[in-house]
C-alpha atoms as a PDB file:
ATOM      1  CA  UNK A   1      -6.352 -16.092 -10.288  1.00  0.00           C
ATOM      2  CA  UNK A   2      -4.353 -19.465 -10.079  1.00  0.00           C
ATOM      3  CA  UNK A   3      -1.671 -18.461  -7.186  1.00  0.00           C
ATOM      4  CA  UNK A   4      -1.758 -18.534  -3.519  1.00  0.00           C
ATOM      5  CA  UNK A   5      -0.430 -15.409  -1.658  1.00  0.00           C
ATOM      6  CA  UNK A   6       2.640 -15.808   0.610  1.00  0.00           C
ATOM      7  CA  UNK A   7       1.838 -15.140   4.241  1.00  0.00           C
ATOM      8  CA  UNK A   8       5.508 -13.470   5.140  1.00  0.00           C
ATOM      9  CA  UNK A   9       7.643 -11.434   2.775  1.00  0.00           C
ATOM     10  CA  UNK A  10      11.207 -10.593   4.168  1.00  0.00           C
ATOM     11  CA  UNK A  11      13.519  -7.898   3.294  1.00  0.00           C
ATOM     12  CA  UNK A  12      16.621  -6.516   4.941  1.00  0.00           C
ATOM     13  CA  UNK A  13      15.104  -4.665   7.895  1.00  0.00           C
ATOM     14  CA  UNK A  14      11.336  -5.397   7.096  1.00  0.00           C
ATOM     15  CA  UNK A  15       8.968  -8.105   7.320  1.00  0.00           C
ATOM     16  CA  UNK A  16       5.531  -7.972   5.502  1.00  0.00           C
ATOM     17  CA  UNK A  17       3.106 -10.162   7.260  1.00  0.00           C
ATOM     18  CA  UNK A  18      -0.236 -10.523   5.756  1.00  0.00           C
ATOM     19  CA  UNK A  19      -3.110  -8.888   7.493  1.00  0.00           C
ATOM     20  CA  UNK A  20      -5.664 -11.242   9.042  1.00  0.00           C
ATOM     21  CA  UNK A  21      -8.781 -10.259  10.737  1.00  0.00           C
ATOM     22  CA  UNK A  22      -8.451 -10.904  14.224  1.00  0.00           C
ATOM     23  CA  UNK A  23      -9.639  -8.562  17.106  1.00  0.00           C
ATOM     24  CA  UNK A  24      -6.207  -8.400  18.556  1.00  0.00           C
ATOM     25  CA  UNK A  25      -4.701  -7.056  15.092  1.00  0.00           C
ATOM     26  CA  UNK A  26      -7.897  -4.790  14.527  1.00  0.00           C
ATOM     27  CA  UNK A  27      -7.027  -3.007  17.797  1.00  0.00           C
ATOM     28  CA  UNK A  28      -3.369  -2.765  16.831  1.00  0.00           C
ATOM     29  CA  UNK A  29      -4.506  -1.229  13.614  1.00  0.00           C
ATOM     30  CA  UNK A  30      -7.004   1.118  15.091  1.00  0.00           C
ATOM     31  CA  UNK A  31      -4.248   2.405  17.615  1.00  0.00           C
ATOM     32  CA  UNK A  32      -1.622   2.786  15.043  1.00  0.00           C
ATOM     33  CA  UNK A  33      -4.178   4.557  12.610  1.00  0.00           C
ATOM     34  CA  UNK A  34      -5.086   6.625  15.584  1.00  0.00           C
ATOM     35  CA  UNK A  35      -2.028   7.844  16.570  1.00  0.00           C
ATOM     36  CA  UNK A  36      -1.157   8.887  12.752  1.00  0.00           C
ATOM     37  CA  UNK A  37      -4.277  10.561  12.103  1.00  0.00           C
ATOM     38  CA  UNK A  38      -2.983  13.798  11.298  1.00  0.00           C
ATOM     39  CA  UNK A  39      -0.289  12.341   9.321  1.00  0.00           C
ATOM     40  CA  UNK A  40      -2.554  10.186   7.099  1.00  0.00           C
ATOM     41  CA  UNK A  41      -5.731  12.156   6.919  1.00  0.00           C
ATOM     42  CA  UNK A  42      -4.566  14.539   4.093  1.00  0.00           C
ATOM     43  CA  UNK A  43      -3.998  11.731   1.724  1.00  0.00           C
ATOM     44  CA  UNK A  44      -6.533   8.946   2.916  1.00  0.00           C
ATOM     45  CA  UNK A  45     -10.142   9.647   3.171  1.00  0.00           C
ATOM     46  CA  UNK A  46     -10.705   6.476   4.894  1.00  0.00           C
ATOM     47  CA  UNK A  47      -9.120   7.630   8.108  1.00  0.00           C
ATOM     48  CA  UNK A  48     -12.181   9.705   8.853  1.00  0.00           C
ATOM     49  CA  UNK A  49     -14.201   6.487   8.806  1.00  0.00           C
ATOM     50  CA  UNK A  50     -11.986   4.685  11.143  1.00  0.00           C
ATOM     51  CA  UNK A  51     -13.358   5.763  14.384  1.00  0.00           C
ATOM     52  CA  UNK A  52     -12.995   2.511  16.513  1.00  0.00           C
ATOM     53  CA  UNK A  53     -11.347  -1.036  16.423  1.00  0.00           C
ATOM     54  CA  UNK A  54     -14.846  -2.299  15.039  1.00  0.00           C
ATOM     55  CA  UNK A  55     -14.331  -0.193  11.693  1.00  0.00           C
ATOM     56  CA  UNK A  56     -10.759  -1.743  11.505  1.00  0.00           C
ATOM     57  CA  UNK A  57     -12.115  -4.997  12.157  1.00  0.00           C
ATOM     58  CA  UNK A  58     -14.856  -4.617   9.420  1.00  0.00           C
ATOM     59  CA  UNK A  59     -12.289  -3.285   7.229  1.00  0.00           C
ATOM     60  CA  UNK A  60      -9.970  -6.376   7.754  1.00  0.00           C
ATOM     61  CA  UNK A  61     -13.118  -8.819   6.944  1.00  0.00           C
ATOM     62  CA  UNK A  62     -13.974  -6.922   4.053  1.00  0.00           C
ATOM     63  CA  UNK A  63     -10.421  -6.981   2.836  1.00  0.00           C
ATOM     64  CA  UNK A  64     -10.112 -10.754   3.603  1.00  0.00           C
ATOM     65  CA  UNK A  65     -12.968 -11.856   1.353  1.00  0.00           C
ATOM     66  CA  UNK A  66     -11.460  -9.706  -1.500  1.00  0.00           C
ATOM     67  CA  UNK A  67      -8.109 -11.753  -0.898  1.00  0.00           C
ATOM     68  CA  UNK A  68      -9.938 -14.936  -1.191  1.00  0.00           C
ATOM     69  CA  UNK A  69     -11.414 -13.671  -4.400  1.00  0.00           C
ATOM     70  CA  UNK A  70      -7.575 -12.809  -5.488  1.00  0.00           C
ATOM     71  CA  UNK A  71      -8.684  -9.023  -5.853  1.00  0.00           C
ATOM     72  CA  UNK A  72      -5.956  -8.007  -3.237  1.00  0.00           C
ATOM     73  CA  UNK A  73      -3.246  -8.690  -0.716  1.00  0.00           C
ATOM     74  CA  UNK A  74      -2.086  -6.700   2.014  1.00  0.00           C
ATOM     75  CA  UNK A  75       0.618  -6.910   4.451  1.00  0.00           C
ATOM     76  CA  UNK A  76       1.305  -5.132   7.644  1.00  0.00           C
ATOM     77  CA  UNK A  77       4.961  -3.666   7.614  1.00  0.00           C
ATOM     78  CA  UNK A  78       6.876  -5.153  10.543  1.00  0.00           C
ATOM     79  CA  UNK A  79      10.278  -3.140  11.602  1.00  0.00           C
ATOM     80  CA  UNK A  80      12.085  -4.668  14.683  1.00  0.00           C
ATOM     81  CA  UNK A  81       8.997  -6.653  15.588  1.00  0.00           C
ATOM     82  CA  UNK A  82       6.979  -3.514  15.616  1.00  0.00           C
ATOM     83  CA  UNK A  83       3.829  -3.014  13.290  1.00  0.00           C
ATOM     84  CA  UNK A  84       4.512   0.321  11.427  1.00  0.00           C
ATOM     85  CA  UNK A  85       2.062   0.507   8.516  1.00  0.00           C
ATOM     86  CA  UNK A  86       0.550  -1.454   5.629  1.00  0.00           C
ATOM     87  CA  UNK A  87       1.177  -2.009   2.052  1.00  0.00           C
ATOM     88  CA  UNK A  88      -1.118  -3.621  -0.575  1.00  0.00           C
ATOM     89  CA  UNK A  89      -1.486  -4.657  -4.074  1.00  0.00           C
ATOM     90  CA  UNK A  90      -5.111  -4.297  -5.520  1.00  0.00           C
ATOM     91  CA  UNK A  91      -6.884  -4.173  -8.710  1.00  0.00           C
ATOM     92  CA  UNK A  92      -4.850  -7.611  -9.505  1.00  0.00           C
ATOM     93  CA  UNK A  93      -5.324  -8.474 -13.182  1.00  0.00           C
ATOM     94  CA  UNK A  94      -4.249 -11.878 -13.935  1.00  0.00           C
ATOM     95  CA  UNK A  95      -4.809 -11.419 -17.726  1.00  0.00           C
ATOM     96  CA  UNK A  96      -2.373  -8.501 -18.254  1.00  0.00           C
ATOM     97  CA  UNK A  97      -0.570  -9.662 -14.890  1.00  0.00           C
ATOM     98  CA  UNK A  98      -0.915  -6.072 -13.320  1.00  0.00           C
ATOM     99  CA  UNK A  99      -1.835  -4.484 -10.042  1.00  0.00           C
ATOM    100  CA  UNK A 100      -1.598  -1.455  -8.010  1.00  0.00           C
ATOM    101  CA  UNK A 101       0.373  -0.552  -5.010  1.00  0.00           C
ATOM    102  CA  UNK A 102      -0.959   1.366  -1.833  1.00  0.00           C
ATOM    103  CA  UNK A 103       1.124   1.977   1.232  1.00  0.00           C
ATOM    104  CA  UNK A 104       0.970   3.941   4.404  1.00  0.00           C
ATOM    105  CA  UNK A 105       3.601   4.348   7.144  1.00  0.00           C
ATOM    106  CA  UNK A 106       3.363   5.738  10.680  1.00  0.00           C
ATOM    107  CA  UNK A 107       4.925   9.334  10.808  1.00  0.00           C
ATOM    108  CA  UNK A 108       8.030   8.324  13.259  1.00  0.00           C
ATOM    109  CA  UNK A 109       9.193   5.925  10.514  1.00  0.00           C
ATOM    110  CA  UNK A 110       9.282   8.023   7.646  1.00  0.00           C
ATOM    111  CA  UNK A 111      12.237   9.317   5.719  1.00  0.00           C
ATOM    112  CA  UNK A 112      14.371   6.162   6.935  1.00  0.00           C
ATOM    113  CA  UNK A 113      14.004   4.169   3.440  1.00  0.00           C
ATOM    114  CA  UNK A 114      11.329   1.783   5.181  1.00  0.00           C
ATOM    115  CA  UNK A 115       8.600   2.044   2.566  1.00  0.00           C
ATOM    116  CA  UNK A 116      11.076   2.080  -0.219  1.00  0.00           C
ATOM    117  CA  UNK A 117      12.171  -1.324   1.092  1.00  0.00           C
ATOM    118  CA  UNK A 118       8.610  -2.535   1.630  1.00  0.00           C
ATOM    119  CA  UNK A 119       7.604  -1.712  -2.087  1.00  0.00           C
ATOM    120  CA  UNK A 120      10.849  -3.561  -3.427  1.00  0.00           C
ATOM    121  CA  UNK A 121       9.921  -6.693  -1.326  1.00  0.00           C
ATOM    122  CA  UNK A 122       6.442  -6.476  -2.833  1.00  0.00           C
ATOM    123  CA  UNK A 123       7.303  -5.698  -6.325  1.00  0.00           C
ATOM    124  CA  UNK A 124      10.053  -8.603  -6.040  1.00  0.00           C
ATOM    125  CA  UNK A 125       7.202 -10.990  -5.137  1.00  0.00           C
ATOM    126  CA  UNK A 126       4.840  -9.936  -7.936  1.00  0.00           C
ATOM    127  CA  UNK A 127       7.618  -9.616 -10.699  1.00  0.00           C
ATOM    128  CA  UNK A 128       9.535 -12.628  -9.608  1.00  0.00           C
ATOM    129  CA  UNK A 129       7.192 -15.091  -8.145  1.00  0.00           C
ATOM    130  CA  UNK A 130       3.806 -14.150  -9.853  1.00  0.00           C
ATOM    131  CA  UNK A 131       5.549 -12.993 -13.168  1.00  0.00           C
ATOM    132  CA  UNK A 132       3.604  -9.884 -13.342  1.00  0.00           C
ATOM    133  CA  UNK A 133       4.192  -7.471 -16.205  1.00  0.00           C
ATOM    134  CA  UNK A 134       3.156  -4.166 -14.590  1.00  0.00           C
ATOM    135  CA  UNK A 135       2.961  -2.558 -11.438  1.00  0.00           C
ATOM    136  CA  UNK A 136       1.612   1.049 -10.573  1.00  0.00           C
ATOM    137  CA  UNK A 137       1.560   3.423  -7.887  1.00  0.00           C
ATOM    138  CA  UNK A 138      -1.091   6.382  -7.792  1.00  0.00           C
ATOM    139  CA  UNK A 139      -0.412   9.429  -5.450  1.00  0.00           C
ATOM    140  CA  UNK A 140      -1.905  12.653  -4.873  1.00  0.00           C
ATOM    141  CA  UNK A 141       0.300  15.072  -6.839  1.00  0.00           C
ATOM    142  CA  UNK A 142       1.259  17.060  -3.746  1.00  0.00           C
ATOM    143  CA  UNK A 143       2.269  14.100  -1.787  1.00  0.00           C
ATOM    144  CA  UNK A 144       5.941  14.557  -1.835  1.00  0.00           C
ATOM    145  CA  UNK A 145       6.600  11.444   0.432  1.00  0.00           C
ATOM    146  CA  UNK A 146       4.529   9.033  -1.605  1.00  0.00           C
ATOM    147  CA  UNK A 147       6.250  10.434  -4.862  1.00  0.00           C
ATOM    148  CA  UNK A 148       9.645  10.124  -3.540  1.00  0.00           C
ATOM    149  CA  UNK A 149       9.039   6.166  -2.594  1.00  0.00           C
ATOM    150  CA  UNK A 150       7.863   5.558  -6.172  1.00  0.00           C
ATOM    151  CA  UNK A 151      10.911   7.653  -7.736  1.00  0.00           C
ATOM    152  CA  UNK A 152      13.276   5.645  -5.370  1.00  0.00           C
ATOM    153  CA  UNK A 153      11.960   2.297  -6.518  1.00  0.00           C
ATOM    154  CA  UNK A 154      12.577   3.314 -10.029  1.00  0.00           C
ATOM    155  CA  UNK A 155       8.867   3.707 -11.258  1.00  0.00           C
ATOM    156  CA  UNK A 156       8.338   5.903 -14.043  1.00  0.00           C
ATOM    157  CA  UNK A 157       5.963   8.781 -14.442  1.00  0.00           C
ATOM    158  CA  UNK A 158       2.839   7.805 -16.718  1.00  0.00           C
ATOM    159  CA  UNK A 159       1.258  10.789 -16.427  1.00  0.00           C
ATOM    160  CA  UNK A 160      -0.976  12.898 -14.298  1.00  0.00           C
ATOM    161  CA  UNK A 161      -4.752  12.750 -13.991  1.00  0.00           C
ATOM    162  CA  UNK A 162      -5.420  16.607 -13.925  1.00  0.00           C
ATOM    163  CA  UNK A 163      -8.096  17.787 -11.464  1.00  0.00           C
ATOM    164  CA  UNK A 164      -9.757  14.317 -11.201  1.00  0.00           C
ATOM    165  CA  UNK A 165     -10.841  14.094  -7.596  1.00  0.00           C
ATOM    166  CA  UNK A 166     -12.095  15.995  -4.681  1.00  0.00           C
ATOM    167  CA  UNK A 167      -9.526  16.239  -1.350  1.00  0.00           C
ATOM    168  CA  UNK A 168     -12.005  16.659   1.814  1.00  0.00           C
ATOM    169  CA  UNK A 169      -9.099  17.402   3.892  1.00  0.00           C
ATOM    170  CA  UNK A 170      -7.605  20.608   1.581  1.00  0.00           C
ATOM    171  CA  UNK A 171     -11.419  21.163   0.361  1.00  0.00           C
ATOM    172  CA  UNK A 172     -10.260  21.358  -3.243  1.00  0.00           C
ATOM    173  CA  UNK A 173      -9.928  19.498  -6.381  1.00  0.00           C
ATOM    174  CA  UNK A 174      -6.675  17.793  -6.661  1.00  0.00           C
ATOM    175  CA  UNK A 175      -4.525  15.988  -9.411  1.00  0.00           C
ATOM    176  CA  UNK A 176      -3.301  12.293  -9.033  1.00  0.00           C
ATOM    177  CA  UNK A 177       0.087  11.265 -10.570  1.00  0.00           C
ATOM    178  CA  UNK A 178       0.532   7.905 -11.826  1.00  0.00           C
ATOM    179  CA  UNK A 179       3.747   5.819 -11.707  1.00  0.00           C
ATOM    180  CA  UNK A 180       4.507   2.244 -13.205  1.00  0.00           C
ATOM    181  CA  UNK A 181       7.161  -0.166 -13.643  1.00  0.00           C
ATOM    182  CA  UNK A 182       7.417  -2.929 -16.059  1.00  0.00           C
ATOM    183  CA  UNK A 183       8.528  -6.280 -15.569  1.00  0.00           C
ATOM    184  CA  UNK A 184      11.511  -5.689 -17.985  1.00  0.00           C
ATOM    185  CA  UNK A 185      12.630  -2.407 -16.084  1.00  0.00           C
ATOM    186  CA  UNK A 186      12.687  -4.538 -13.041  1.00  0.00           C
ATOM    187  CA  UNK A 187      15.238  -7.190 -14.387  1.00  0.00           C
ATOM    188  CA  UNK A 188      17.197  -4.435 -16.259  1.00  0.00           C
END
């Protein structure tokens, strides 16, 4: 891909700052995940593999390599200068100009519209600056908070992948709901 990611994106209340693999940030990331483990575990299988700040650091190193290849870009979400979660865009396709948004936020910051704002900041960057055509969000069908964010950002439901994956936390087969937004809908 022939573009450079911005290191900082600003909204009304939030700053999105690109995650960089440093030992200091890996500690912050690990502590934040650790204090939100039960909140995140039902929806994110990687929580069980995040057992030390070294795991967080290795994740950041791997993600940085993918960022250099323009496969993903991830931002820490900062509210009042406090790190509260992550948002990323991945599966970047420069031919169709598309990508998928993924996110998580600390439990104490849910239901405040902060994740909705973070998604809107990221979609603005990719629809306006990079002229992407399509963004999508996938969510466990039962993850009401994630679905609410997608709908609050005016993403449309594309469909449901029925019984397409196993969820270790719930120990059952689950469905995935897919939302998307087109550039034409963003500018409408």
